[in-house]
Amino acid sequence: MSTLKQTLRDDMTTAMKARDTLTLGTLRMALAAITTEEVSGDTARELSDADVQKVLAREVRKRKEAAEAFAGAGRAELADKEKAESEVLQAYLPQQLTDDEVAALVAEAVAEVAETVGAAPTMKQMGQVVKLAQAKAAGRAEGGRIAGAVKKALS
């Protein structure tokens, strides 16, 4: 069974042989971030595929933020490079949920919190609802999108 980390390594080797500098550099950076995550803390550990996906999602988010910053500063060529790197990493993440699917997950989470509280949740229970919805999404939707959908559902 091949792990996500091994898949990244294999694809990096393929990119090296194909002289694909964008993919090669992006995968090297991703593997470095994964290694850094593995050795952070008190003891070194091997990351599970879910943990590797979290690291990749964080790297994608960094690339998107950097692309926005470069675009705002009038550096289109650097913004394009960051967007291209983001797309390379996005291929290793699960397919993102649509807005309708996020809304359905949020509705389920609101119903579950309503059962435990005994009444319709208010903005005070927003944290509980967001936590439940994020667990249901399992990395297939960004936290900001989920929080926005929860806020909309509770207001």
C-alpha atoms as a PDB file:
ATOM      1  CA  MET A   1       0.000   0.000   0.000  1.00  0.00           C
ATOM      2  CA  SER A   2       1.395   3.347  -1.026  1.00  0.00           C
ATOM      3  CA  THR A   3       1.086   6.292   1.317  1.00  0.00           C
ATOM      4  CA  LEU A   4       0.433   9.835   0.192  1.00  0.00           C
ATOM      5  CA  LYS A   5       3.973  10.775   1.209  1.00  0.00           C
ATOM      6  CA  GLN A   6       5.388   7.993  -0.973  1.00  0.00           C
ATOM      7  CA  THR A   7       3.176   9.121  -3.853  1.00  0.00           C
ATOM      8  CA  LEU A   8       4.623  12.628  -3.494  1.00  0.00           C
ATOM      9  CA  ARG A   9       8.165  11.193  -3.582  1.00  0.00           C
ATOM     10  CA  ASP A  10       7.394   9.074  -6.654  1.00  0.00           C
ATOM     11  CA  ASP A  11       5.839  12.039  -8.458  1.00  0.00           C
ATOM     12  CA  MET A  12       8.858  14.166  -7.534  1.00  0.00           C
ATOM     13  CA  THR A  13      11.127  11.576  -9.168  1.00  0.00           C
ATOM     14  CA  THR A  14       8.919  11.583 -12.267  1.00  0.00           C
ATOM     15  CA  ALA A  15       9.025  15.399 -12.397  1.00  0.00           C
ATOM     16  CA  MET A  16      12.815  15.278 -12.038  1.00  0.00           C
ATOM     17  CA  LYS A  17      13.129  12.895 -14.982  1.00  0.00           C
ATOM     18  CA  ALA A  18      10.718  15.001 -17.058  1.00  0.00           C
ATOM     19  CA  ARG A  19      12.594  18.197 -16.117  1.00  0.00           C
ATOM     20  CA  ASP A  20       9.328  19.718 -14.873  1.00  0.00           C
ATOM     21  CA  THR A  21      10.819  22.428 -12.656  1.00  0.00           C
ATOM     22  CA  LEU A  22       7.506  23.787 -11.328  1.00  0.00           C
ATOM     23  CA  THR A  23       6.225  20.410 -10.119  1.00  0.00           C
ATOM     24  CA  LEU A  24       9.654  19.382  -8.860  1.00  0.00           C
ATOM     25  CA  GLY A  25      10.127  22.537  -6.800  1.00  0.00           C
ATOM     26  CA  THR A  26       6.585  22.422  -5.452  1.00  0.00           C
ATOM     27  CA  LEU A  27       6.837  18.768  -4.387  1.00  0.00           C
ATOM     28  CA  ARG A  28      10.254  19.358  -2.800  1.00  0.00           C
ATOM     29  CA  MET A  29       8.758  22.202  -0.786  1.00  0.00           C
ATOM     30  CA  ALA A  30       5.770  20.062   0.229  1.00  0.00           C
ATOM     31  CA  LEU A  31       7.979  17.158   1.316  1.00  0.00           C
ATOM     32  CA  ALA A  32      10.159  19.575   3.308  1.00  0.00           C
ATOM     33  CA  ALA A  33       7.048  20.905   5.072  1.00  0.00           C
ATOM     34  CA  ILE A  34       5.956  17.324   5.823  1.00  0.00           C
ATOM     35  CA  THR A  35       9.392  16.449   7.223  1.00  0.00           C
ATOM     36  CA  THR A  36       9.373  19.602   9.347  1.00  0.00           C
ATOM     37  CA  GLU A  37       5.972  18.611  10.731  1.00  0.00           C
ATOM     38  CA  GLU A  38       7.251  15.087  11.475  1.00  0.00           C
ATOM     39  CA  VAL A  39      10.220  16.277  13.528  1.00  0.00           C
ATOM     40  CA  SER A  40       8.432  19.113  15.316  1.00  0.00           C
ATOM     41  CA  GLY A  41       7.500  18.484  18.920  1.00  0.00           C
ATOM     42  CA  ASP A  42       9.204  16.282  21.493  1.00  0.00           C
ATOM     43  CA  THR A  43       9.562  13.118  19.400  1.00  0.00           C
ATOM     44  CA  ALA A  44       9.828  12.463  15.686  1.00  0.00           C
ATOM     45  CA  ARG A  45       6.846  10.632  14.208  1.00  0.00           C
ATOM     46  CA  GLU A  46       5.572   9.335  10.886  1.00  0.00           C
ATOM     47  CA  LEU A  47       2.580  11.327   9.639  1.00  0.00           C
ATOM     48  CA  SER A  48      -0.593   9.545   8.577  1.00  0.00           C
ATOM     49  CA  ASP A  49      -2.166  10.332   5.197  1.00  0.00           C
ATOM     50  CA  ALA A  50      -4.711  12.561   6.976  1.00  0.00           C
ATOM     51  CA  ASP A  51      -1.894  14.525   8.645  1.00  0.00           C
ATOM     52  CA  VAL A  52      -0.060  14.838   5.315  1.00  0.00           C
ATOM     53  CA  GLN A  53      -3.274  16.191   3.761  1.00  0.00           C
ATOM     54  CA  LYS A  54      -3.502  18.794   6.535  1.00  0.00           C
ATOM     55  CA  VAL A  55       0.065  19.914   5.808  1.00  0.00           C
ATOM     56  CA  LEU A  56      -0.674  20.089   2.076  1.00  0.00           C
ATOM     57  CA  ALA A  57      -3.884  22.049   2.715  1.00  0.00           C
ATOM     58  CA  ARG A  58      -1.897  24.519   4.830  1.00  0.00           C
ATOM     59  CA  GLU A  59       0.663  24.879   2.024  1.00  0.00           C
ATOM     60  CA  VAL A  60      -2.115  25.451  -0.541  1.00  0.00           C
ATOM     61  CA  ARG A  61      -3.593  28.150   1.712  1.00  0.00           C
ATOM     62  CA  LYS A  62      -0.159  29.802   2.005  1.00  0.00           C
ATOM     63  CA  ARG A  63       0.207  29.795  -1.794  1.00  0.00           C
ATOM     64  CA  LYS A  64      -3.229  31.354  -2.290  1.00  0.00           C
ATOM     65  CA  GLU A  65      -2.486  34.095   0.261  1.00  0.00           C
ATOM     66  CA  ALA A  66       0.885  34.791  -1.340  1.00  0.00           C
ATOM     67  CA  ALA A  67      -0.702  34.940  -4.801  1.00  0.00           C
ATOM     68  CA  GLU A  68      -3.215  37.510  -3.546  1.00  0.00           C
ATOM     69  CA  ALA A  69      -0.440  39.566  -1.953  1.00  0.00           C
ATOM     70  CA  PHE A  70       1.668  39.489  -5.128  1.00  0.00           C
ATOM     71  CA  ALA A  71      -1.331  40.356  -7.290  1.00  0.00           C
ATOM     72  CA  GLY A  72      -2.139  43.285  -4.999  1.00  0.00           C
ATOM     73  CA  ALA A  73       1.455  44.510  -5.290  1.00  0.00           C
ATOM     74  CA  GLY A  74       1.335  44.351  -9.090  1.00  0.00           C
ATOM     75  CA  ARG A  75       3.660  41.332  -9.356  1.00  0.00           C
ATOM     76  CA  ALA A  76       1.579  39.218 -11.731  1.00  0.00           C
ATOM     77  CA  GLU A  77       4.402  36.809 -12.664  1.00  0.00           C
ATOM     78  CA  LEU A  78       4.972  35.859  -9.005  1.00  0.00           C
ATOM     79  CA  ALA A  79       1.224  35.606  -8.380  1.00  0.00           C
ATOM     80  CA  ASP A  80       0.925  33.234 -11.358  1.00  0.00           C
ATOM     81  CA  LYS A  81       3.774  31.076 -10.010  1.00  0.00           C
ATOM     82  CA  GLU A  82       2.097  30.824  -6.578  1.00  0.00           C
ATOM     83  CA  LYS A  83      -1.236  29.902  -8.215  1.00  0.00           C
ATOM     84  CA  ALA A  84       0.476  27.216 -10.322  1.00  0.00           C
ATOM     85  CA  GLU A  85       2.143  25.743  -7.206  1.00  0.00           C
ATOM     86  CA  SER A  86      -1.221  25.775  -5.440  1.00  0.00           C
ATOM     87  CA  GLU A  87      -2.774  23.830  -8.326  1.00  0.00           C
ATOM     88  CA  VAL A  88       0.008  21.213  -8.221  1.00  0.00           C
ATOM     89  CA  LEU A  89      -0.614  20.622  -4.505  1.00  0.00           C
ATOM     90  CA  GLN A  90      -4.402  20.707  -4.912  1.00  0.00           C
ATOM     91  CA  ALA A  91      -4.155  17.530  -7.011  1.00  0.00           C
ATOM     92  CA  TYR A  92      -3.105  15.604  -3.872  1.00  0.00           C
ATOM     93  CA  LEU A  93      -6.013  16.810  -1.748  1.00  0.00           C
ATOM     94  CA  PRO A  94      -9.546  15.394  -1.707  1.00  0.00           C
ATOM     95  CA  GLN A  95     -12.105  17.063  -3.964  1.00  0.00           C
ATOM     96  CA  GLN A  96     -13.511  20.192  -2.293  1.00  0.00           C
ATOM     97  CA  LEU A  97     -17.203  20.262  -1.372  1.00  0.00           C
ATOM     98  CA  THR A  98     -19.584  22.521  -3.251  1.00  0.00           C
ATOM     99  CA  ASP A  99     -21.410  25.332  -1.455  1.00  0.00           C
ATOM    100  CA  ASP A 100     -24.612  23.252  -1.449  1.00  0.00           C
ATOM    101  CA  GLU A 101     -22.787  20.288   0.132  1.00  0.00           C
ATOM    102  CA  VAL A 102     -21.275  22.577   2.785  1.00  0.00           C
ATOM    103  CA  ALA A 103     -24.743  23.994   3.522  1.00  0.00           C
ATOM    104  CA  ALA A 104     -26.116  20.441   3.904  1.00  0.00           C
ATOM    105  CA  LEU A 105     -23.318  19.507   6.333  1.00  0.00           C
ATOM    106  CA  VAL A 106     -23.960  22.673   8.325  1.00  0.00           C
ATOM    107  CA  ALA A 107     -27.697  21.889   8.464  1.00  0.00           C
ATOM    108  CA  GLU A 108     -26.876  18.414   9.857  1.00  0.00           C
ATOM    109  CA  ALA A 109     -24.520  19.929  12.433  1.00  0.00           C
ATOM    110  CA  VAL A 110     -27.147  22.513  13.476  1.00  0.00           C
ATOM    111  CA  ALA A 111     -29.708  19.714  13.920  1.00  0.00           C
ATOM    112  CA  GLU A 112     -27.297  17.652  16.063  1.00  0.00           C
ATOM    113  CA  VAL A 113     -26.430  20.616  18.284  1.00  0.00           C
ATOM    114  CA  ALA A 114     -30.165  21.420  18.570  1.00  0.00           C
ATOM    115  CA  GLU A 115     -30.746  17.858  19.852  1.00  0.00           C
ATOM    116  CA  THR A 116     -28.041  18.114  22.533  1.00  0.00           C
ATOM    117  CA  VAL A 117     -28.985  21.654  23.617  1.00  0.00           C
ATOM    118  CA  GLY A 118     -32.717  21.006  23.461  1.00  0.00           C
ATOM    119  CA  ALA A 119     -33.414  24.149  21.450  1.00  0.00           C
ATOM    120  CA  ALA A 120     -32.380  25.783  18.210  1.00  0.00           C
ATOM    121  CA  PRO A 121     -28.712  26.801  18.526  1.00  0.00           C
ATOM    122  CA  THR A 122     -27.885  30.500  18.709  1.00  0.00           C
ATOM    123  CA  MET A 123     -24.691  32.371  17.900  1.00  0.00           C
ATOM    124  CA  LYS A 124     -23.466  31.300  21.377  1.00  0.00           C
ATOM    125  CA  GLN A 125     -23.301  27.703  20.113  1.00  0.00           C
ATOM    126  CA  MET A 126     -21.583  28.690  16.844  1.00  0.00           C
ATOM    127  CA  GLY A 127     -18.298  27.119  17.999  1.00  0.00           C
ATOM    128  CA  GLN A 128     -19.976  23.772  18.647  1.00  0.00           C
ATOM    129  CA  VAL A 129     -21.710  23.810  15.266  1.00  0.00           C
ATOM    130  CA  VAL A 130     -18.517  24.794  13.405  1.00  0.00           C
ATOM    131  CA  LYS A 131     -16.529  22.053  15.157  1.00  0.00           C
ATOM    132  CA  LEU A 132     -19.122  19.428  14.246  1.00  0.00           C
ATOM    133  CA  ALA A 133     -19.396  20.632  10.639  1.00  0.00           C
ATOM    134  CA  GLN A 134     -15.599  20.630  10.221  1.00  0.00           C
ATOM    135  CA  ALA A 135     -15.440  17.063  11.514  1.00  0.00           C
ATOM    136  CA  LYS A 136     -18.101  16.069   8.955  1.00  0.00           C
ATOM    137  CA  ALA A 137     -16.265  17.883   6.145  1.00  0.00           C
ATOM    138  CA  ALA A 138     -13.024  16.044   7.016  1.00  0.00           C
ATOM    139  CA  GLY A 139     -10.733  18.465   5.203  1.00  0.00           C
ATOM    140  CA  ARG A 140     -12.882  18.752   2.097  1.00  0.00           C
ATOM    141  CA  ALA A 141     -13.821  22.383   2.805  1.00  0.00           C
ATOM    142  CA  GLU A 142     -11.875  25.338   4.176  1.00  0.00           C
ATOM    143  CA  GLY A 143     -12.661  26.461   7.702  1.00  0.00           C
ATOM    144  CA  GLY A 144     -13.634  29.936   6.556  1.00  0.00           C
ATOM    145  CA  ARG A 145     -16.262  28.580   4.186  1.00  0.00           C
ATOM    146  CA  ILE A 146     -17.712  26.391   6.938  1.00  0.00           C
ATOM    147  CA  ALA A 147     -17.750  29.230   9.478  1.00  0.00           C
ATOM    148  CA  GLY A 148     -19.475  31.508   6.960  1.00  0.00           C
ATOM    149  CA  ALA A 149     -22.134  28.893   6.245  1.00  0.00           C
ATOM    150  CA  VAL A 150     -22.694  28.326   9.987  1.00  0.00           C
ATOM    151  CA  LYS A 151     -23.014  32.064  10.618  1.00  0.00           C
ATOM    152  CA  LYS A 152     -25.547  32.292   7.786  1.00  0.00           C
ATOM    153  CA  ALA A 153     -27.516  29.312   9.133  1.00  0.00           C
ATOM    154  CA  LEU A 154     -27.631  30.633  12.697  1.00  0.00           C
ATOM    155  CA  SER A 155     -28.591  34.214  11.863  1.00  0.00           C
END
